Amino acid sequence: MALARRGRPLFAQLKPVCGIGLAGGAISLLAYGLVIWAQAHGDLATVAALRETSILIAALIATLLFHERFGRLRLIAGAVVLAGITVLELASP
């Protein structure tokens, strides 16, 4: 779709960021593979709880690096995520 709309200049626009995009894709694939491996070899509840911490890490990155507000709504959402992780960990034998 982008190629149809922009034509050949699209390739010139993509060239400076192509390496970053490929690196991001490779890291994403590696992360997904690690999650699948952890789910196959570990306790599923523990792995699921650990995965949910990525939401909190993303909120911290948004606040620290991108200067987004960490307002009351994000604080409540973070507390709910932490409560869910705690329940999962306490429920696992």
N, C-alpha and C. Protein backbone atom coordinates (compact mmCIF):
# COMPACT_ATOMS: atom_id res chain seq x y z
N MET A 1 0.82 -1.16 0.00
CA MET A 1 0.00 0.00 0.00
C MET A 1 0.88 1.25 0.00
N ALA A 2 1.91 1.23 0.87
CA ALA A 2 2.80 2.38 0.94
C ALA A 2 3.55 2.57 -0.37
N LEU A 3 3.97 1.45 -0.98
CA LEU A 3 4.67 1.54 -2.26
C LEU A 3 3.75 2.07 -3.35
N ALA A 4 2.50 1.68 -3.33
CA ALA A 4 1.54 2.17 -4.32
C ALA A 4 1.28 3.66 -4.15
N ARG A 5 1.26 4.14 -2.92
CA ARG A 5 0.98 5.56 -2.67
C ARG A 5 2.19 6.44 -2.89
N ARG A 6 3.37 5.98 -2.47
CA ARG A 6 4.56 6.83 -2.50
C ARG A 6 5.49 6.56 -3.67
N GLY A 7 5.39 5.36 -4.23
CA GLY A 7 6.24 5.04 -5.37
C GLY A 7 7.68 4.78 -4.96
N ARG A 8 8.59 4.99 -5.90
CA ARG A 8 10.00 4.70 -5.67
C ARG A 8 10.65 5.55 -4.58
N PRO A 9 10.21 6.78 -4.32
CA PRO A 9 10.84 7.54 -3.22
C PRO A 9 10.71 6.87 -1.85
N LEU A 10 9.81 5.92 -1.74
CA LEU A 10 9.64 5.21 -0.48
C LEU A 10 10.93 4.51 -0.07
N PHE A 11 11.64 3.92 -1.02
CA PHE A 11 12.88 3.20 -0.71
C PHE A 11 13.94 4.14 -0.17
N ALA A 12 14.01 5.35 -0.71
CA ALA A 12 14.98 6.33 -0.20
C ALA A 12 14.63 6.76 1.21
N GLN A 13 13.34 6.82 1.53
CA GLN A 13 12.91 7.19 2.88
C GLN A 13 13.19 6.06 3.88
N LEU A 14 13.11 4.83 3.42
CA LEU A 14 13.32 3.69 4.32
C LEU A 14 14.79 3.38 4.56
N LYS A 15 15.66 3.75 3.64
CA LYS A 15 17.06 3.38 3.72
C LYS A 15 17.74 3.78 5.03
N PRO A 16 17.55 5.00 5.54
CA PRO A 16 18.24 5.37 6.79
C PRO A 16 17.78 4.59 8.02
N VAL A 17 16.57 4.06 8.01
CA VAL A 17 16.05 3.38 9.20
C VAL A 17 15.90 1.87 9.00
N CYS A 18 16.34 1.37 7.88
CA CYS A 18 16.18 -0.04 7.57
C CYS A 18 16.91 -0.94 8.58
N GLY A 19 18.13 -0.57 8.94
CA GLY A 19 18.90 -1.37 9.90
C GLY A 19 18.25 -1.42 11.26
N ILE A 20 17.73 -0.28 11.71
CA ILE A 20 17.05 -0.24 13.00
C ILE A 20 15.80 -1.10 12.97
N GLY A 21 15.07 -1.05 11.88
CA GLY A 21 13.86 -1.86 11.75
C GLY A 21 14.17 -3.34 11.75
N LEU A 22 15.21 -3.74 11.03
CA LEU A 22 15.59 -5.15 11.00
C LEU A 22 16.09 -5.62 12.37
N ALA A 23 16.86 -4.79 13.06
CA ALA A 23 17.35 -5.14 14.39
C ALA A 23 16.17 -5.28 15.36
N GLY A 24 15.22 -4.37 15.29
CA GLY A 24 14.04 -4.45 16.15
C GLY A 24 13.24 -5.71 15.88
N GLY A 25 13.10 -6.07 14.61
CA GLY A 25 12.39 -7.29 14.26
C GLY A 25 13.09 -8.53 14.76
N ALA A 26 14.42 -8.55 14.66
CA ALA A 26 15.20 -9.70 15.13
C ALA A 26 15.10 -9.83 16.65
N ILE A 27 15.17 -8.72 17.36
CA ILE A 27 15.06 -8.75 18.82
C ILE A 27 13.66 -9.20 19.23
N SER A 28 12.65 -8.75 18.52
CA SER A 28 11.28 -9.16 18.82
C SER A 28 11.10 -10.66 18.61
N LEU A 29 11.66 -11.19 17.53
CA LEU A 29 11.59 -12.62 17.26
C LEU A 29 12.31 -13.41 18.34
N LEU A 30 13.47 -12.94 18.76
CA LEU A 30 14.23 -13.59 19.83
C LEU A 30 13.43 -13.58 21.13
N ALA A 31 12.82 -12.45 21.46
CA ALA A 31 12.04 -12.35 22.69
C ALA A 31 10.86 -13.32 22.67
N TYR A 32 10.18 -13.42 21.53
CA TYR A 32 9.06 -14.34 21.43
C TYR A 32 9.54 -15.79 21.57
N GLY A 33 10.66 -16.11 20.96
CA GLY A 33 11.23 -17.45 21.09
C GLY A 33 11.59 -17.78 22.53
N LEU A 34 12.11 -16.80 23.25
CA LEU A 34 12.45 -17.02 24.66
C LEU A 34 11.20 -17.26 25.50
N VAL A 35 10.12 -16.56 25.19
CA VAL A 35 8.86 -16.77 25.92
C VAL A 35 8.33 -18.17 25.67
N ILE A 36 8.34 -18.60 24.40
CA ILE A 36 7.87 -19.94 24.07
C ILE A 36 8.73 -20.99 24.77
N TRP A 37 10.04 -20.80 24.77
CA TRP A 37 10.93 -21.74 25.44
C TRP A 37 10.64 -21.78 26.93
N ALA A 38 10.47 -20.60 27.56
CA ALA A 38 10.20 -20.54 29.00
C ALA A 38 8.87 -21.22 29.34
N GLN A 39 7.86 -21.04 28.49
CA GLN A 39 6.57 -21.67 28.75
C GLN A 39 6.66 -23.18 28.61
N ALA A 40 7.52 -23.66 27.74
CA ALA A 40 7.66 -25.10 27.55
C ALA A 40 8.47 -25.75 28.67
N HIS A 41 9.38 -24.99 29.29
CA HIS A 41 10.29 -25.57 30.27
C HIS A 41 10.06 -25.11 31.70
N GLY A 42 9.19 -24.17 31.91
CA GLY A 42 9.00 -23.64 33.26
C GLY A 42 7.55 -23.71 33.70
N ASP A 43 7.31 -23.19 34.88
CA ASP A 43 5.97 -23.11 35.43
C ASP A 43 5.20 -22.03 34.67
N LEU A 44 4.08 -22.39 34.08
CA LEU A 44 3.34 -21.48 33.22
C LEU A 44 2.86 -20.24 33.97
N ALA A 45 2.41 -20.39 35.19
CA ALA A 45 1.93 -19.24 35.96
C ALA A 45 3.06 -18.25 36.23
N THR A 46 4.23 -18.76 36.53
CA THR A 46 5.38 -17.89 36.79
C THR A 46 5.80 -17.16 35.52
N VAL A 47 5.83 -17.86 34.41
CA VAL A 47 6.19 -17.24 33.13
C VAL A 47 5.16 -16.18 32.74
N ALA A 48 3.89 -16.50 32.93
CA ALA A 48 2.83 -15.53 32.60
C ALA A 48 2.94 -14.29 33.47
N ALA A 49 3.23 -14.47 34.74
CA ALA A 49 3.39 -13.33 35.64
C ALA A 49 4.59 -12.48 35.23
N LEU A 50 5.66 -13.12 34.86
CA LEU A 50 6.85 -12.39 34.43
C LEU A 50 6.59 -11.62 33.15
N ARG A 51 5.82 -12.20 32.23
CA ARG A 51 5.48 -11.51 30.98
C ARG A 51 4.69 -10.24 31.23
N GLU A 52 3.83 -10.26 32.22
CA GLU A 52 2.99 -9.10 32.50
C GLU A 52 3.78 -7.93 33.05
N THR A 53 4.97 -8.18 33.57
CA THR A 53 5.79 -7.08 34.05
C THR A 53 6.25 -6.18 32.91
N SER A 54 6.18 -6.67 31.67
CA SER A 54 6.59 -5.85 30.53
C SER A 54 5.71 -4.61 30.39
N ILE A 55 4.46 -4.69 30.84
CA ILE A 55 3.58 -3.53 30.81
C ILE A 55 4.11 -2.44 31.73
N LEU A 56 4.56 -2.84 32.91
CA LEU A 56 5.11 -1.86 33.84
C LEU A 56 6.42 -1.28 33.34
N ILE A 57 7.24 -2.13 32.75
CA ILE A 57 8.51 -1.66 32.20
C ILE A 57 8.27 -0.67 31.07
N ALA A 58 7.29 -0.96 30.22
CA ALA A 58 6.96 -0.03 29.12
C ALA A 58 6.47 1.30 29.66
N ALA A 59 5.68 1.28 30.72
CA ALA A 59 5.21 2.53 31.32
C ALA A 59 6.37 3.33 31.90
N LEU A 60 7.32 2.65 32.52
CA LEU A 60 8.49 3.34 33.05
C LEU A 60 9.36 3.93 31.95
N ILE A 61 9.54 3.18 30.86
CA ILE A 61 10.30 3.70 29.74
C ILE A 61 9.62 4.92 29.15
N ALA A 62 8.29 4.86 29.01
CA ALA A 62 7.55 6.00 28.47
C ALA A 62 7.71 7.23 29.36
N THR A 63 7.74 7.01 30.66
CA THR A 63 7.87 8.13 31.58
C THR A 63 9.30 8.68 31.60
N LEU A 64 10.28 7.80 31.69
CA LEU A 64 11.66 8.25 31.83
C LEU A 64 12.28 8.74 30.52
N LEU A 65 12.04 8.03 29.43
CA LEU A 65 12.69 8.38 28.18
C LEU A 65 11.88 9.35 27.32
N PHE A 66 10.56 9.18 27.33
CA PHE A 66 9.71 9.99 26.45
C PHE A 66 8.96 11.07 27.20
N HIS A 67 9.21 11.18 28.50
CA HIS A 67 8.64 12.24 29.34
C HIS A 67 7.12 12.27 29.31
N GLU A 68 6.51 11.10 29.23
CA GLU A 68 5.06 11.03 29.33
C GLU A 68 4.68 11.07 30.81
N ARG A 69 3.48 11.55 31.06
CA ARG A 69 3.03 11.63 32.45
C ARG A 69 2.74 10.24 33.00
N PHE A 70 3.13 10.02 34.22
CA PHE A 70 2.78 8.78 34.93
C PHE A 70 1.69 9.16 35.91
N GLY A 71 0.51 9.40 35.37
CA GLY A 71 -0.60 9.92 36.15
C GLY A 71 -1.29 8.87 37.00
N ARG A 72 -2.40 9.31 37.57
CA ARG A 72 -3.17 8.46 38.48
C ARG A 72 -3.68 7.21 37.78
N LEU A 73 -4.11 7.33 36.52
CA LEU A 73 -4.64 6.18 35.80
C LEU A 73 -3.57 5.12 35.58
N ARG A 74 -2.37 5.53 35.20
CA ARG A 74 -1.27 4.56 35.02
C ARG A 74 -0.85 3.95 36.35
N LEU A 75 -0.90 4.74 37.39
CA LEU A 75 -0.55 4.21 38.70
C LEU A 75 -1.55 3.15 39.15
N ILE A 76 -2.83 3.40 38.92
CA ILE A 76 -3.87 2.42 39.25
C ILE A 76 -3.70 1.17 38.39
N ALA A 77 -3.47 1.36 37.09
CA ALA A 77 -3.29 0.21 36.20
C ALA A 77 -2.07 -0.61 36.61
N GLY A 78 -0.99 0.06 36.98
CA GLY A 78 0.20 -0.65 37.45
C GLY A 78 -0.06 -1.44 38.71
N ALA A 79 -0.85 -0.85 39.62
CA ALA A 79 -1.20 -1.55 40.86
C ALA A 79 -2.05 -2.78 40.57
N VAL A 80 -2.95 -2.67 39.59
CA VAL A 80 -3.78 -3.83 39.22
C VAL A 80 -2.91 -4.93 38.62
N VAL A 81 -1.96 -4.56 37.77
CA VAL A 81 -1.06 -5.55 37.18
C VAL A 81 -0.24 -6.23 38.28
N LEU A 82 0.30 -5.45 39.19
CA LEU A 82 1.07 -6.04 40.29
C LEU A 82 0.22 -6.94 41.17
N ALA A 83 -1.02 -6.55 41.40
CA ALA A 83 -1.92 -7.40 42.19
C ALA A 83 -2.19 -8.72 41.46
N GLY A 84 -2.39 -8.65 40.15
CA GLY A 84 -2.59 -9.87 39.36
C GLY A 84 -1.38 -10.78 39.39
N ILE A 85 -0.20 -10.19 39.28
CA ILE A 85 1.04 -10.98 39.34
C ILE A 85 1.16 -11.65 40.72
N THR A 86 0.83 -10.91 41.76
CA THR A 86 0.90 -11.46 43.11
C THR A 86 -0.07 -12.62 43.28
N VAL A 87 -1.28 -12.46 42.77
CA VAL A 87 -2.27 -13.53 42.88
C VAL A 87 -1.79 -14.78 42.12
N LEU A 88 -1.24 -14.59 40.93
CA LEU A 88 -0.72 -15.73 40.18
C LEU A 88 0.40 -16.44 40.92
N GLU A 89 1.28 -15.67 41.51
CA GLU A 89 2.40 -16.27 42.22
C GLU A 89 1.96 -16.98 43.51
N LEU A 90 1.00 -16.40 44.21
CA LEU A 90 0.53 -17.02 45.44
C LEU A 90 -0.31 -18.27 45.17
N ALA A 91 -0.97 -18.29 44.02
CA ALA A 91 -1.83 -19.43 43.68
C ALA A 91 -1.04 -20.63 43.17
N SER A 92 0.18 -20.39 42.65
CA SER A 92 0.94 -21.52 42.11
C SER A 92 1.55 -22.33 43.26
N PRO A 93 1.53 -23.65 43.11
CA PRO A 93 2.02 -24.52 44.20
C PRO A 93 3.51 -24.46 44.37
